[in-house]
Amino acid sequence: MHQEAAIAPWKQRFEAPLIAHTQIAAADQDSGLVVSNQNGVYELYRWQVHSGGLAQLTSRPGGTLFGLLAPNGRHVFAFEDCRGTERGHHVRMPVKGGPALDLTPDLAPYSSCDLALSRSGTRAVFTVADPEGYHVFGLDDVYKDRVERLQQLGRFARPVARPILSSDGELLVLATASSSHPLYDGLALLNARTGEPARQPE
């Protein structure tokens, strides 16, 4: 008798692999991203949507719970921390294999869990929290061999998070908090290239 058959059905349900998140590329409906613990710890998997095939992209001691698939389906963006410290750098990985590219090599390790891409795929925005406050950074040309146009768009005394970029990467929406406690109760509309407040359409 196989070992799996000897495990009680109720126990198999608790030990079954889980899928925490899925995403399909906006411009390539056959390219997807899956976050699953099928090998015991949550990692990122390339998902061939029509065939259902999965190929593991990350393998880290603490696992990888968050990733963002590029609109063209060719890259995955993830946060690579330093040995589980929750401080590190955002990286870009080719879905067909190859080394990860550090998107912010000139910054000291930082805490960040929010990264957004424009649908055009050329601009990224992410938030960073540190003792000095909450920062918003923008990146252009995120598919080049080296990202050189890192720009700080603003620093805030109160929490900001969950950036969303317009399709063309010109406008940025942030969730904002009216107190030091990160209960987001407002939105800010900014120019994604300057960080200045953007005029809302009349």
N, C-alpha and C. Protein backbone atom coordinates (compact mmCIF):
# COMPACT_ATOMS: atom_id res chain seq x y z
N MET A 1 0.85 -1.19 0.00
CA MET A 1 0.00 0.00 0.00
C MET A 1 0.89 1.24 0.00
N HIS A 2 0.57 2.18 -0.86
CA HIS A 2 1.33 3.41 -0.89
C HIS A 2 1.15 4.19 0.41
N GLN A 3 2.17 4.95 0.75
CA GLN A 3 2.11 5.71 2.00
C GLN A 3 0.95 6.71 1.99
N GLU A 4 0.69 7.34 0.81
CA GLU A 4 -0.39 8.32 0.72
C GLU A 4 -1.74 7.69 1.02
N ALA A 5 -1.94 6.43 0.56
CA ALA A 5 -3.20 5.76 0.77
C ALA A 5 -3.41 5.43 2.25
N ALA A 6 -2.32 5.31 3.00
CA ALA A 6 -2.43 4.96 4.41
C ALA A 6 -2.77 6.16 5.28
N ILE A 7 -2.65 7.38 4.75
CA ILE A 7 -2.96 8.58 5.52
C ILE A 7 -4.46 8.79 5.56
N ALA A 8 -4.99 9.04 6.74
CA ALA A 8 -6.43 9.23 6.89
C ALA A 8 -6.90 10.40 6.02
N PRO A 9 -8.10 10.28 5.41
CA PRO A 9 -8.61 11.36 4.55
C PRO A 9 -8.65 12.72 5.23
N TRP A 10 -9.01 12.78 6.53
CA TRP A 10 -9.08 14.08 7.20
C TRP A 10 -7.71 14.72 7.29
N LYS A 11 -6.67 13.88 7.45
CA LYS A 11 -5.31 14.42 7.55
C LYS A 11 -4.82 14.88 6.18
N GLN A 12 -5.21 14.17 5.11
CA GLN A 12 -4.83 14.58 3.76
C GLN A 12 -5.38 15.96 3.42
N ARG A 13 -6.60 16.26 3.91
CA ARG A 13 -7.18 17.57 3.63
C ARG A 13 -6.35 18.68 4.25
N PHE A 14 -5.83 18.47 5.46
CA PHE A 14 -5.02 19.48 6.13
C PHE A 14 -3.64 19.62 5.49
N GLU A 15 -3.15 18.55 4.86
CA GLU A 15 -1.81 18.58 4.29
C GLU A 15 -1.81 18.85 2.79
N ALA A 16 -2.98 19.07 2.21
CA ALA A 16 -3.07 19.33 0.77
C ALA A 16 -2.41 20.66 0.43
N PRO A 17 -1.70 20.73 -0.71
CA PRO A 17 -1.09 22.00 -1.12
C PRO A 17 -2.14 23.07 -1.31
N LEU A 18 -1.78 24.30 -1.00
CA LEU A 18 -2.68 25.44 -1.11
C LEU A 18 -2.16 26.42 -2.16
N ILE A 19 -3.07 27.14 -2.76
CA ILE A 19 -2.73 28.24 -3.67
C ILE A 19 -3.15 29.53 -2.99
N ALA A 20 -2.17 30.39 -2.74
CA ALA A 20 -2.45 31.64 -2.02
C ALA A 20 -2.82 32.77 -2.97
N HIS A 21 -2.34 32.72 -4.21
CA HIS A 21 -2.57 33.84 -5.12
C HIS A 21 -2.33 33.38 -6.55
N THR A 22 -3.10 33.92 -7.49
CA THR A 22 -2.86 33.70 -8.91
C THR A 22 -2.97 35.03 -9.65
N GLN A 23 -2.28 35.12 -10.77
CA GLN A 23 -2.34 36.30 -11.61
C GLN A 23 -2.10 35.90 -13.06
N ILE A 24 -2.83 36.49 -13.98
CA ILE A 24 -2.62 36.28 -15.41
C ILE A 24 -2.11 37.59 -16.01
N ALA A 25 -1.10 37.50 -16.86
CA ALA A 25 -0.51 38.69 -17.47
C ALA A 25 -1.54 39.43 -18.29
N ALA A 26 -1.56 40.75 -18.17
CA ALA A 26 -2.57 41.57 -18.84
C ALA A 26 -2.47 41.46 -20.36
N ALA A 27 -1.26 41.31 -20.89
CA ALA A 27 -1.07 41.30 -22.34
C ALA A 27 -0.74 39.92 -22.89
N ASP A 28 -0.78 38.88 -22.05
CA ASP A 28 -0.49 37.52 -22.49
C ASP A 28 -1.31 36.56 -21.65
N GLN A 29 -2.46 36.18 -22.16
CA GLN A 29 -3.41 35.39 -21.38
C GLN A 29 -2.97 33.96 -21.12
N ASP A 30 -1.86 33.52 -21.71
CA ASP A 30 -1.35 32.17 -21.42
C ASP A 30 -0.25 32.19 -20.38
N SER A 31 0.15 33.38 -19.93
CA SER A 31 1.22 33.49 -18.94
C SER A 31 0.63 33.89 -17.60
N GLY A 32 0.94 33.09 -16.58
CA GLY A 32 0.39 33.37 -15.26
C GLY A 32 1.42 33.17 -14.17
N LEU A 33 1.04 33.60 -12.97
CA LEU A 33 1.88 33.46 -11.79
C LEU A 33 1.04 32.84 -10.69
N VAL A 34 1.61 31.87 -9.98
CA VAL A 34 0.93 31.19 -8.89
C VAL A 34 1.82 31.24 -7.66
N VAL A 35 1.22 31.50 -6.51
CA VAL A 35 1.91 31.37 -5.22
C VAL A 35 1.34 30.14 -4.54
N SER A 36 2.17 29.14 -4.31
CA SER A 36 1.69 27.87 -3.76
C SER A 36 2.72 27.27 -2.80
N ASN A 37 2.21 26.41 -1.89
CA ASN A 37 3.11 25.71 -0.96
C ASN A 37 3.18 24.23 -1.28
N GLN A 38 3.10 23.89 -2.56
CA GLN A 38 3.05 22.48 -2.93
C GLN A 38 4.33 21.73 -2.59
N ASN A 39 5.41 22.44 -2.35
CA ASN A 39 6.65 21.80 -1.91
C ASN A 39 6.94 22.05 -0.43
N GLY A 40 5.92 22.48 0.30
CA GLY A 40 6.07 22.63 1.75
C GLY A 40 6.14 24.06 2.23
N VAL A 41 6.59 25.01 1.38
CA VAL A 41 6.68 26.41 1.75
C VAL A 41 6.21 27.23 0.56
N TYR A 42 5.59 28.36 0.81
CA TYR A 42 5.07 29.17 -0.28
C TYR A 42 6.20 29.73 -1.14
N GLU A 43 6.09 29.49 -2.45
CA GLU A 43 7.04 30.01 -3.43
C GLU A 43 6.28 30.46 -4.67
N LEU A 44 6.99 31.16 -5.56
CA LEU A 44 6.40 31.64 -6.81
C LEU A 44 6.60 30.60 -7.91
N TYR A 45 5.55 30.41 -8.73
CA TYR A 45 5.60 29.45 -9.83
C TYR A 45 5.14 30.12 -11.11
N ARG A 46 5.85 29.85 -12.18
CA ARG A 46 5.38 30.23 -13.50
C ARG A 46 4.22 29.31 -13.87
N TRP A 47 3.15 29.89 -14.39
CA TRP A 47 1.94 29.13 -14.69
C TRP A 47 1.63 29.26 -16.18
N GLN A 48 1.67 28.16 -16.89
CA GLN A 48 1.21 28.13 -18.28
C GLN A 48 -0.29 27.85 -18.24
N VAL A 49 -1.07 28.89 -18.46
CA VAL A 49 -2.50 28.85 -18.14
C VAL A 49 -3.24 27.76 -18.90
N HIS A 50 -3.04 27.66 -20.21
CA HIS A 50 -3.83 26.71 -21.00
C HIS A 50 -3.46 25.25 -20.73
N SER A 51 -2.18 25.01 -20.45
CA SER A 51 -1.78 23.63 -20.18
C SER A 51 -1.85 23.28 -18.69
N GLY A 52 -1.86 24.30 -17.84
CA GLY A 52 -1.87 24.07 -16.41
C GLY A 52 -0.50 23.78 -15.82
N GLY A 53 0.56 23.83 -16.64
CA GLY A 53 1.89 23.52 -16.15
C GLY A 53 2.44 24.57 -15.20
N LEU A 54 3.17 24.10 -14.17
CA LEU A 54 3.80 24.99 -13.19
C LEU A 54 5.30 24.74 -13.17
N ALA A 55 6.07 25.83 -13.08
CA ALA A 55 7.52 25.73 -12.95
C ALA A 55 7.95 26.66 -11.83
N GLN A 56 8.67 26.12 -10.84
CA GLN A 56 9.04 26.90 -9.67
C GLN A 56 10.06 27.97 -10.05
N LEU A 57 9.81 29.21 -9.58
CA LEU A 57 10.69 30.35 -9.88
C LEU A 57 11.60 30.71 -8.72
N THR A 58 11.12 30.57 -7.49
CA THR A 58 11.90 30.97 -6.33
C THR A 58 12.09 29.80 -5.38
N SER A 59 13.16 29.86 -4.61
CA SER A 59 13.43 28.84 -3.60
C SER A 59 14.25 29.50 -2.50
N ARG A 60 13.58 29.92 -1.44
CA ARG A 60 14.23 30.65 -0.36
C ARG A 60 13.91 29.97 0.96
N PRO A 61 14.81 30.04 1.93
CA PRO A 61 14.57 29.35 3.21
C PRO A 61 13.25 29.75 3.86
N GLY A 62 12.89 31.03 3.79
CA GLY A 62 11.66 31.49 4.39
C GLY A 62 10.48 31.53 3.44
N GLY A 63 10.69 31.08 2.20
CA GLY A 63 9.63 31.11 1.21
C GLY A 63 9.46 32.49 0.59
N THR A 64 8.56 32.58 -0.37
CA THR A 64 8.25 33.83 -1.06
C THR A 64 6.74 33.90 -1.23
N LEU A 65 6.13 34.87 -0.56
CA LEU A 65 4.67 34.92 -0.54
C LEU A 65 4.09 35.92 -1.53
N PHE A 66 4.90 36.90 -1.96
CA PHE A 66 4.36 37.93 -2.83
C PHE A 66 5.18 38.05 -4.11
N GLY A 67 4.49 38.24 -5.23
CA GLY A 67 5.15 38.47 -6.51
C GLY A 67 4.18 39.18 -7.43
N LEU A 68 4.72 39.87 -8.42
CA LEU A 68 3.89 40.61 -9.37
C LEU A 68 4.37 40.28 -10.77
N LEU A 69 3.46 39.80 -11.61
CA LEU A 69 3.79 39.42 -12.97
C LEU A 69 3.71 40.64 -13.88
N ALA A 70 4.73 40.83 -14.71
CA ALA A 70 4.73 41.95 -15.66
C ALA A 70 3.59 41.80 -16.65
N PRO A 71 3.06 42.90 -17.18
CA PRO A 71 1.95 42.82 -18.14
C PRO A 71 2.26 41.93 -19.35
N ASN A 72 3.54 41.90 -19.78
CA ASN A 72 3.88 41.07 -20.95
C ASN A 72 4.15 39.62 -20.58
N GLY A 73 4.11 39.29 -19.30
CA GLY A 73 4.30 37.92 -18.86
C GLY A 73 5.72 37.42 -18.89
N ARG A 74 6.68 38.28 -19.15
CA ARG A 74 8.07 37.82 -19.30
C ARG A 74 8.90 37.94 -18.03
N HIS A 75 8.46 38.73 -17.07
CA HIS A 75 9.21 38.93 -15.84
C HIS A 75 8.29 38.87 -14.64
N VAL A 76 8.87 38.55 -13.50
CA VAL A 76 8.18 38.61 -12.22
C VAL A 76 8.98 39.54 -11.31
N PHE A 77 8.26 40.40 -10.61
CA PHE A 77 8.87 41.31 -9.64
C PHE A 77 8.55 40.80 -8.25
N ALA A 78 9.56 40.77 -7.38
CA ALA A 78 9.38 40.25 -6.02
C ALA A 78 10.29 41.01 -5.07
N PHE A 79 10.00 40.86 -3.78
CA PHE A 79 10.84 41.48 -2.76
C PHE A 79 11.73 40.40 -2.17
N GLU A 80 13.03 40.61 -2.27
CA GLU A 80 14.01 39.63 -1.78
C GLU A 80 14.62 40.17 -0.50
N ASP A 81 14.20 39.58 0.63
CA ASP A 81 14.71 40.08 1.91
C ASP A 81 16.01 39.38 2.29
N CYS A 82 16.62 39.87 3.33
CA CYS A 82 17.93 39.37 3.76
C CYS A 82 17.73 38.36 4.90
N ARG A 83 17.65 37.11 4.55
CA ARG A 83 17.58 36.02 5.52
C ARG A 83 16.38 36.16 6.45
N GLY A 84 15.23 36.51 5.90
CA GLY A 84 14.02 36.58 6.70
C GLY A 84 13.88 37.80 7.57
N THR A 85 14.67 38.84 7.34
CA THR A 85 14.61 40.03 8.17
C THR A 85 13.51 40.99 7.75
N GLU A 86 12.85 40.73 6.61
CA GLU A 86 11.85 41.61 6.02
C GLU A 86 12.46 42.94 5.58
N ARG A 87 13.75 42.94 5.38
CA ARG A 87 14.47 44.10 4.82
C ARG A 87 15.31 43.60 3.65
N GLY A 88 15.22 44.27 2.54
CA GLY A 88 15.95 43.81 1.37
C GLY A 88 15.72 44.74 0.20
N HIS A 89 15.61 44.16 -1.01
CA HIS A 89 15.44 44.94 -2.23
C HIS A 89 14.40 44.29 -3.14
N HIS A 90 13.71 45.12 -3.91
CA HIS A 90 12.87 44.61 -4.98
C HIS A 90 13.75 44.10 -6.12
N VAL A 91 13.36 42.97 -6.70
CA VAL A 91 14.14 42.37 -7.79
C VAL A 91 13.21 42.03 -8.95
N ARG A 92 13.82 41.86 -10.12
CA ARG A 92 13.10 41.43 -11.32
C ARG A 92 13.69 40.12 -11.80
N MET A 93 12.82 39.13 -12.06
CA MET A 93 13.28 37.81 -12.47
C MET A 93 12.66 37.44 -13.82
N PRO A 94 13.44 36.91 -14.76
CA PRO A 94 12.85 36.40 -16.00
C PRO A 94 12.09 35.10 -15.71
N VAL A 95 10.88 34.96 -16.26
CA VAL A 95 10.07 33.79 -15.93
C VAL A 95 10.64 32.51 -16.54
N LYS A 96 11.48 32.62 -17.56
CA LYS A 96 12.06 31.43 -18.19
C LYS A 96 13.42 31.06 -17.61
N GLY A 97 13.76 31.69 -16.49
CA GLY A 97 15.01 31.35 -15.82
C GLY A 97 16.09 32.38 -16.03
N GLY A 98 17.00 32.45 -15.09
CA GLY A 98 18.08 33.40 -15.16
C GLY A 98 18.20 34.16 -13.85
N PRO A 99 19.29 34.90 -13.67
CA PRO A 99 19.51 35.59 -12.40
C PRO A 99 18.53 36.74 -12.19
N ALA A 100 18.26 37.02 -10.93
CA ALA A 100 17.41 38.15 -10.57
C ALA A 100 18.21 39.44 -10.66
N LEU A 101 17.56 40.51 -11.08
CA LEU A 101 18.19 41.82 -11.18
C LEU A 101 17.71 42.69 -10.02
N ASP A 102 18.65 43.21 -9.24
CA ASP A 102 18.33 44.14 -8.16
C ASP A 102 17.88 45.47 -8.77
N LEU A 103 16.67 45.91 -8.46
CA LEU A 103 16.14 47.14 -9.04
C LEU A 103 16.63 48.39 -8.31
N THR A 104 17.13 48.23 -7.11
CA THR A 104 17.58 49.39 -6.32
C THR A 104 18.95 49.13 -5.70
N PRO A 105 19.97 48.87 -6.50
CA PRO A 105 21.27 48.48 -5.95
C PRO A 105 21.94 49.57 -5.11
N ASP A 106 21.56 50.82 -5.30
CA ASP A 106 22.21 51.91 -4.58
C ASP A 106 21.53 52.24 -3.26
N LEU A 107 20.44 51.57 -2.94
CA LEU A 107 19.76 51.82 -1.66
C LEU A 107 20.19 50.78 -0.62
N ALA A 108 20.25 51.23 0.63
CA ALA A 108 20.46 50.28 1.73
C ALA A 108 19.23 49.39 1.84
N PRO A 109 19.35 48.20 2.43
CA PRO A 109 18.17 47.33 2.59
C PRO A 109 17.02 48.08 3.26
N TYR A 110 15.80 47.84 2.78
CA TYR A 110 14.64 48.58 3.25
C TYR A 110 13.46 47.63 3.43
N SER A 111 12.43 48.12 4.11
CA SER A 111 11.19 47.36 4.29
C SER A 111 10.16 47.85 3.29
N SER A 112 9.60 46.92 2.51
CA SER A 112 8.62 47.29 1.50
C SER A 112 7.82 46.06 1.10
N CYS A 113 6.52 46.24 0.98
CA CYS A 113 5.69 45.12 0.51
C CYS A 113 4.77 45.56 -0.63
N ASP A 114 4.90 46.79 -1.09
CA ASP A 114 4.02 47.32 -2.13
C ASP A 114 4.83 47.73 -3.35
N LEU A 115 4.53 47.13 -4.48
CA LEU A 115 5.11 47.55 -5.75
C LEU A 115 4.02 47.49 -6.81
N ALA A 116 3.94 48.53 -7.63
CA ALA A 116 2.94 48.59 -8.70
C ALA A 116 3.63 48.83 -10.02
N LEU A 117 3.05 48.28 -11.09
CA LEU A 117 3.54 48.47 -12.45
C LEU A 117 2.46 49.13 -13.29
N SER A 118 2.87 50.02 -14.20
CA SER A 118 1.92 50.53 -15.16
C SER A 118 1.60 49.43 -16.17
N ARG A 119 0.40 49.51 -16.77
CA ARG A 119 0.02 48.50 -17.75
C ARG A 119 0.97 48.52 -18.95
N SER A 120 1.51 49.71 -19.26
CA SER A 120 2.51 49.80 -20.33
C SER A 120 3.78 49.05 -19.96
N GLY A 121 3.98 48.83 -18.64
CA GLY A 121 5.09 48.00 -18.18
C GLY A 121 6.43 48.69 -18.09
N THR A 122 6.48 50.01 -18.30
CA THR A 122 7.77 50.67 -18.29
C THR A 122 8.06 51.40 -16.98
N ARG A 123 7.06 51.58 -16.14
CA ARG A 123 7.26 52.33 -14.91
C ARG A 123 6.76 51.53 -13.71
N ALA A 124 7.52 51.63 -12.61
CA ALA A 124 7.16 50.97 -11.35
C ALA A 124 7.20 51.99 -10.23
N VAL A 125 6.38 51.76 -9.22
CA VAL A 125 6.35 52.59 -8.02
C VAL A 125 6.28 51.66 -6.81
N PHE A 126 7.00 52.01 -5.74
CA PHE A 126 6.92 51.21 -4.52
C PHE A 126 7.04 52.11 -3.30
N THR A 127 6.57 51.62 -2.16
CA THR A 127 6.62 52.37 -0.92
C THR A 127 7.64 51.73 0.03
N VAL A 128 8.24 52.56 0.87
CA VAL A 128 9.24 52.12 1.84
C VAL A 128 8.93 52.77 3.19
N ALA A 129 9.00 51.99 4.25
CA ALA A 129 8.83 52.51 5.61
C ALA A 129 10.16 52.42 6.35
N ASP A 130 10.54 53.52 7.02
CA ASP A 130 11.74 53.53 7.85
C ASP A 130 11.53 54.51 9.00
N PRO A 131 12.49 54.64 9.92
CA PRO A 131 12.28 55.54 11.06
C PRO A 131 12.01 56.99 10.69
N GLU A 132 12.37 57.40 9.48
CA GLU A 132 12.15 58.78 9.07
C GLU A 132 10.76 59.01 8.48
N GLY A 133 10.01 57.96 8.21
CA GLY A 133 8.67 58.13 7.67
C GLY A 133 8.36 57.12 6.59
N TYR A 134 7.49 57.51 5.69
CA TYR A 134 7.01 56.65 4.61
C TYR A 134 7.38 57.30 3.28
N HIS A 135 8.08 56.55 2.44
CA HIS A 135 8.64 57.09 1.22
C HIS A 135 8.00 56.42 0.00
N VAL A 136 7.92 57.18 -1.08
CA VAL A 136 7.43 56.65 -2.35
C VAL A 136 8.52 56.85 -3.39
N PHE A 137 8.88 55.76 -4.07
CA PHE A 137 9.93 55.79 -5.09
C PHE A 137 9.34 55.39 -6.44
N GLY A 138 9.87 55.99 -7.49
CA GLY A 138 9.48 55.62 -8.84
C GLY A 138 10.68 55.12 -9.63
N LEU A 139 10.43 54.18 -10.53
CA LEU A 139 11.47 53.62 -11.38
C LEU A 139 11.01 53.66 -12.83
N ASP A 140 11.88 54.13 -13.71
CA ASP A 140 11.60 54.09 -15.14
C ASP A 140 12.45 53.00 -15.79
N ASP A 141 12.04 52.59 -16.99
CA ASP A 141 12.83 51.64 -17.79
C ASP A 141 13.12 50.36 -17.01
N VAL A 142 12.08 49.76 -16.44
CA VAL A 142 12.29 48.63 -15.53
C VAL A 142 12.67 47.33 -16.25
N TYR A 143 12.76 47.32 -17.58
CA TYR A 143 13.16 46.12 -18.30
C TYR A 143 14.59 46.19 -18.82
N LYS A 144 15.28 47.28 -18.55
CA LYS A 144 16.68 47.38 -19.00
C LYS A 144 17.58 46.54 -18.11
N ASP A 145 18.83 46.34 -18.59
CA ASP A 145 19.79 45.53 -17.84
C ASP A 145 20.15 46.15 -16.50
N ARG A 146 20.07 47.47 -16.41
CA ARG A 146 20.30 48.17 -15.15
C ARG A 146 19.32 49.32 -15.06
N VAL A 147 18.61 49.37 -13.95
CA VAL A 147 17.65 50.45 -13.75
C VAL A 147 18.38 51.64 -13.13
N GLU A 148 18.45 52.75 -13.84
CA GLU A 148 19.26 53.87 -13.40
C GLU A 148 18.42 55.08 -12.98
N ARG A 149 17.12 55.06 -13.22
CA ARG A 149 16.31 56.24 -12.99
C ARG A 149 15.41 56.06 -11.77
N LEU A 150 16.05 55.85 -10.61
CA LEU A 150 15.31 55.78 -9.35
C LEU A 150 15.05 57.20 -8.86
N GLN A 151 13.79 57.48 -8.54
CA GLN A 151 13.41 58.83 -8.13
C GLN A 151 12.53 58.76 -6.90
N GLN A 152 12.88 59.55 -5.88
CA GLN A 152 12.02 59.64 -4.71
C GLN A 152 10.91 60.64 -5.00
N LEU A 153 9.67 60.16 -4.96
CA LEU A 153 8.52 60.99 -5.30
C LEU A 153 7.95 61.72 -4.10
N GLY A 154 8.27 61.28 -2.91
CA GLY A 154 7.76 61.97 -1.74
C GLY A 154 8.05 61.24 -0.45
N ARG A 155 8.00 62.00 0.65
CA ARG A 155 8.14 61.43 1.99
C ARG A 155 6.95 61.90 2.81
N PHE A 156 6.33 60.97 3.54
CA PHE A 156 5.12 61.26 4.28
C PHE A 156 5.31 60.91 5.75
N ALA A 157 4.73 61.71 6.62
CA ALA A 157 4.82 61.44 8.06
C ALA A 157 3.87 60.34 8.47
N ARG A 158 2.76 60.18 7.72
CA ARG A 158 1.77 59.17 8.05
C ARG A 158 1.78 58.07 7.00
N PRO A 159 1.26 56.90 7.35
CA PRO A 159 1.38 55.75 6.44
C PRO A 159 0.75 55.98 5.07
N VAL A 160 1.44 55.52 4.05
CA VAL A 160 0.91 55.44 2.69
C VAL A 160 1.24 54.04 2.16
N ALA A 161 0.38 53.53 1.30
CA ALA A 161 0.58 52.16 0.81
C ALA A 161 -0.30 51.91 -0.39
N ARG A 162 -0.22 50.66 -0.91
CA ARG A 162 -1.08 50.17 -1.99
C ARG A 162 -1.06 51.06 -3.22
N PRO A 163 0.10 51.35 -3.77
CA PRO A 163 0.16 52.21 -4.96
C PRO A 163 -0.52 51.56 -6.16
N ILE A 164 -1.19 52.38 -6.95
CA ILE A 164 -1.80 51.95 -8.21
C ILE A 164 -1.41 52.97 -9.27
N LEU A 165 -0.87 52.49 -10.39
CA LEU A 165 -0.47 53.36 -11.49
C LEU A 165 -1.51 53.31 -12.60
N SER A 166 -1.68 54.45 -13.26
CA SER A 166 -2.53 54.46 -14.44
C SER A 166 -1.87 53.64 -15.54
N SER A 167 -2.63 53.32 -16.58
CA SER A 167 -2.12 52.48 -17.66
C SER A 167 -0.86 53.04 -18.28
N ASP A 168 -0.81 54.36 -18.46
CA ASP A 168 0.36 54.97 -19.10
C ASP A 168 1.45 55.35 -18.10
N GLY A 169 1.24 55.10 -16.81
CA GLY A 169 2.25 55.38 -15.80
C GLY A 169 2.38 56.83 -15.42
N GLU A 170 1.41 57.68 -15.79
CA GLU A 170 1.50 59.11 -15.51
C GLU A 170 0.84 59.50 -14.19
N LEU A 171 -0.12 58.73 -13.73
CA LEU A 171 -0.85 59.05 -12.50
C LEU A 171 -0.66 57.94 -11.47
N LEU A 172 -0.63 58.34 -10.20
CA LEU A 172 -0.41 57.41 -9.10
C LEU A 172 -1.47 57.65 -8.03
N VAL A 173 -2.09 56.59 -7.57
CA VAL A 173 -3.03 56.65 -6.44
C VAL A 173 -2.42 55.91 -5.26
N LEU A 174 -2.47 56.54 -4.08
CA LEU A 174 -1.96 55.94 -2.85
C LEU A 174 -3.05 55.90 -1.80
N ALA A 175 -3.09 54.82 -1.02
CA ALA A 175 -3.94 54.79 0.17
C ALA A 175 -3.23 55.57 1.26
N THR A 176 -3.96 56.43 1.97
CA THR A 176 -3.38 57.28 3.00
C THR A 176 -4.09 57.07 4.33
N ALA A 177 -3.38 57.42 5.41
CA ALA A 177 -3.93 57.31 6.75
C ALA A 177 -3.95 58.69 7.39
N SER A 178 -4.99 58.98 8.15
CA SER A 178 -5.10 60.30 8.79
C SER A 178 -4.44 60.34 10.15
N SER A 179 -3.89 59.21 10.62
CA SER A 179 -3.18 59.17 11.89
C SER A 179 -1.95 58.29 11.72
N SER A 180 -1.17 58.16 12.78
CA SER A 180 0.03 57.34 12.69
C SER A 180 -0.29 55.85 12.63
N HIS A 181 -1.50 55.46 12.97
CA HIS A 181 -1.90 54.05 12.88
C HIS A 181 -2.28 53.75 11.43
N PRO A 182 -1.73 52.67 10.86
CA PRO A 182 -1.96 52.39 9.43
C PRO A 182 -3.35 51.85 9.12
N LEU A 183 -4.38 52.62 9.47
CA LEU A 183 -5.74 52.32 9.03
C LEU A 183 -6.05 53.29 7.91
N TYR A 184 -5.99 52.80 6.69
CA TYR A 184 -6.07 53.68 5.54
C TYR A 184 -7.51 54.13 5.32
N ASP A 185 -7.71 55.45 5.37
CA ASP A 185 -9.06 55.99 5.25
C ASP A 185 -9.16 57.07 4.17
N GLY A 186 -8.13 57.19 3.33
CA GLY A 186 -8.17 58.20 2.29
C GLY A 186 -7.35 57.78 1.08
N LEU A 187 -7.43 58.59 0.02
CA LEU A 187 -6.68 58.36 -1.20
C LEU A 187 -5.98 59.64 -1.62
N ALA A 188 -4.80 59.51 -2.19
CA ALA A 188 -4.07 60.65 -2.75
C ALA A 188 -3.81 60.37 -4.22
N LEU A 189 -4.07 61.36 -5.06
CA LEU A 189 -3.82 61.27 -6.49
C LEU A 189 -2.61 62.15 -6.81
N LEU A 190 -1.55 61.53 -7.33
CA LEU A 190 -0.29 62.23 -7.56
C LEU A 190 0.16 62.09 -9.01
N ASN A 191 0.97 63.05 -9.43
CA ASN A 191 1.70 62.92 -10.68
C ASN A 191 2.79 61.87 -10.45
N ALA A 192 2.79 60.80 -11.20
CA ALA A 192 3.70 59.67 -10.95
C ALA A 192 5.13 59.97 -11.34
N ARG A 193 5.39 61.11 -11.95
CA ARG A 193 6.76 61.46 -12.33
C ARG A 193 7.36 62.55 -11.44
N THR A 194 6.50 63.33 -10.80
CA THR A 194 7.00 64.40 -9.95
C THR A 194 6.63 64.25 -8.48
N GLY A 195 5.58 63.47 -8.20
CA GLY A 195 5.10 63.34 -6.84
C GLY A 195 4.18 64.47 -6.41
N GLU A 196 3.95 65.45 -7.28
CA GLU A 196 3.07 66.56 -6.96
C GLU A 196 1.62 66.11 -7.05
N PRO A 197 0.72 66.75 -6.26
CA PRO A 197 -0.71 66.44 -6.40
C PRO A 197 -1.17 66.64 -7.83
N ALA A 198 -1.96 65.72 -8.30
CA ALA A 198 -2.46 65.80 -9.68
C ALA A 198 -3.85 66.39 -9.68
N ARG A 199 -4.16 67.10 -10.73
CA ARG A 199 -5.50 67.67 -10.86
C ARG A 199 -6.48 66.57 -11.25
N GLN A 200 -7.58 66.50 -10.55
CA GLN A 200 -8.59 65.51 -10.85
C GLN A 200 -9.43 66.00 -12.04
N PRO A 201 -9.86 65.08 -12.89
CA PRO A 201 -10.70 65.47 -14.03
C PRO A 201 -11.97 66.15 -13.56
N GLU A 202 -12.37 67.18 -14.25
CA GLU A 202 -13.60 67.91 -13.91
C GLU A 202 -14.82 67.15 -14.39
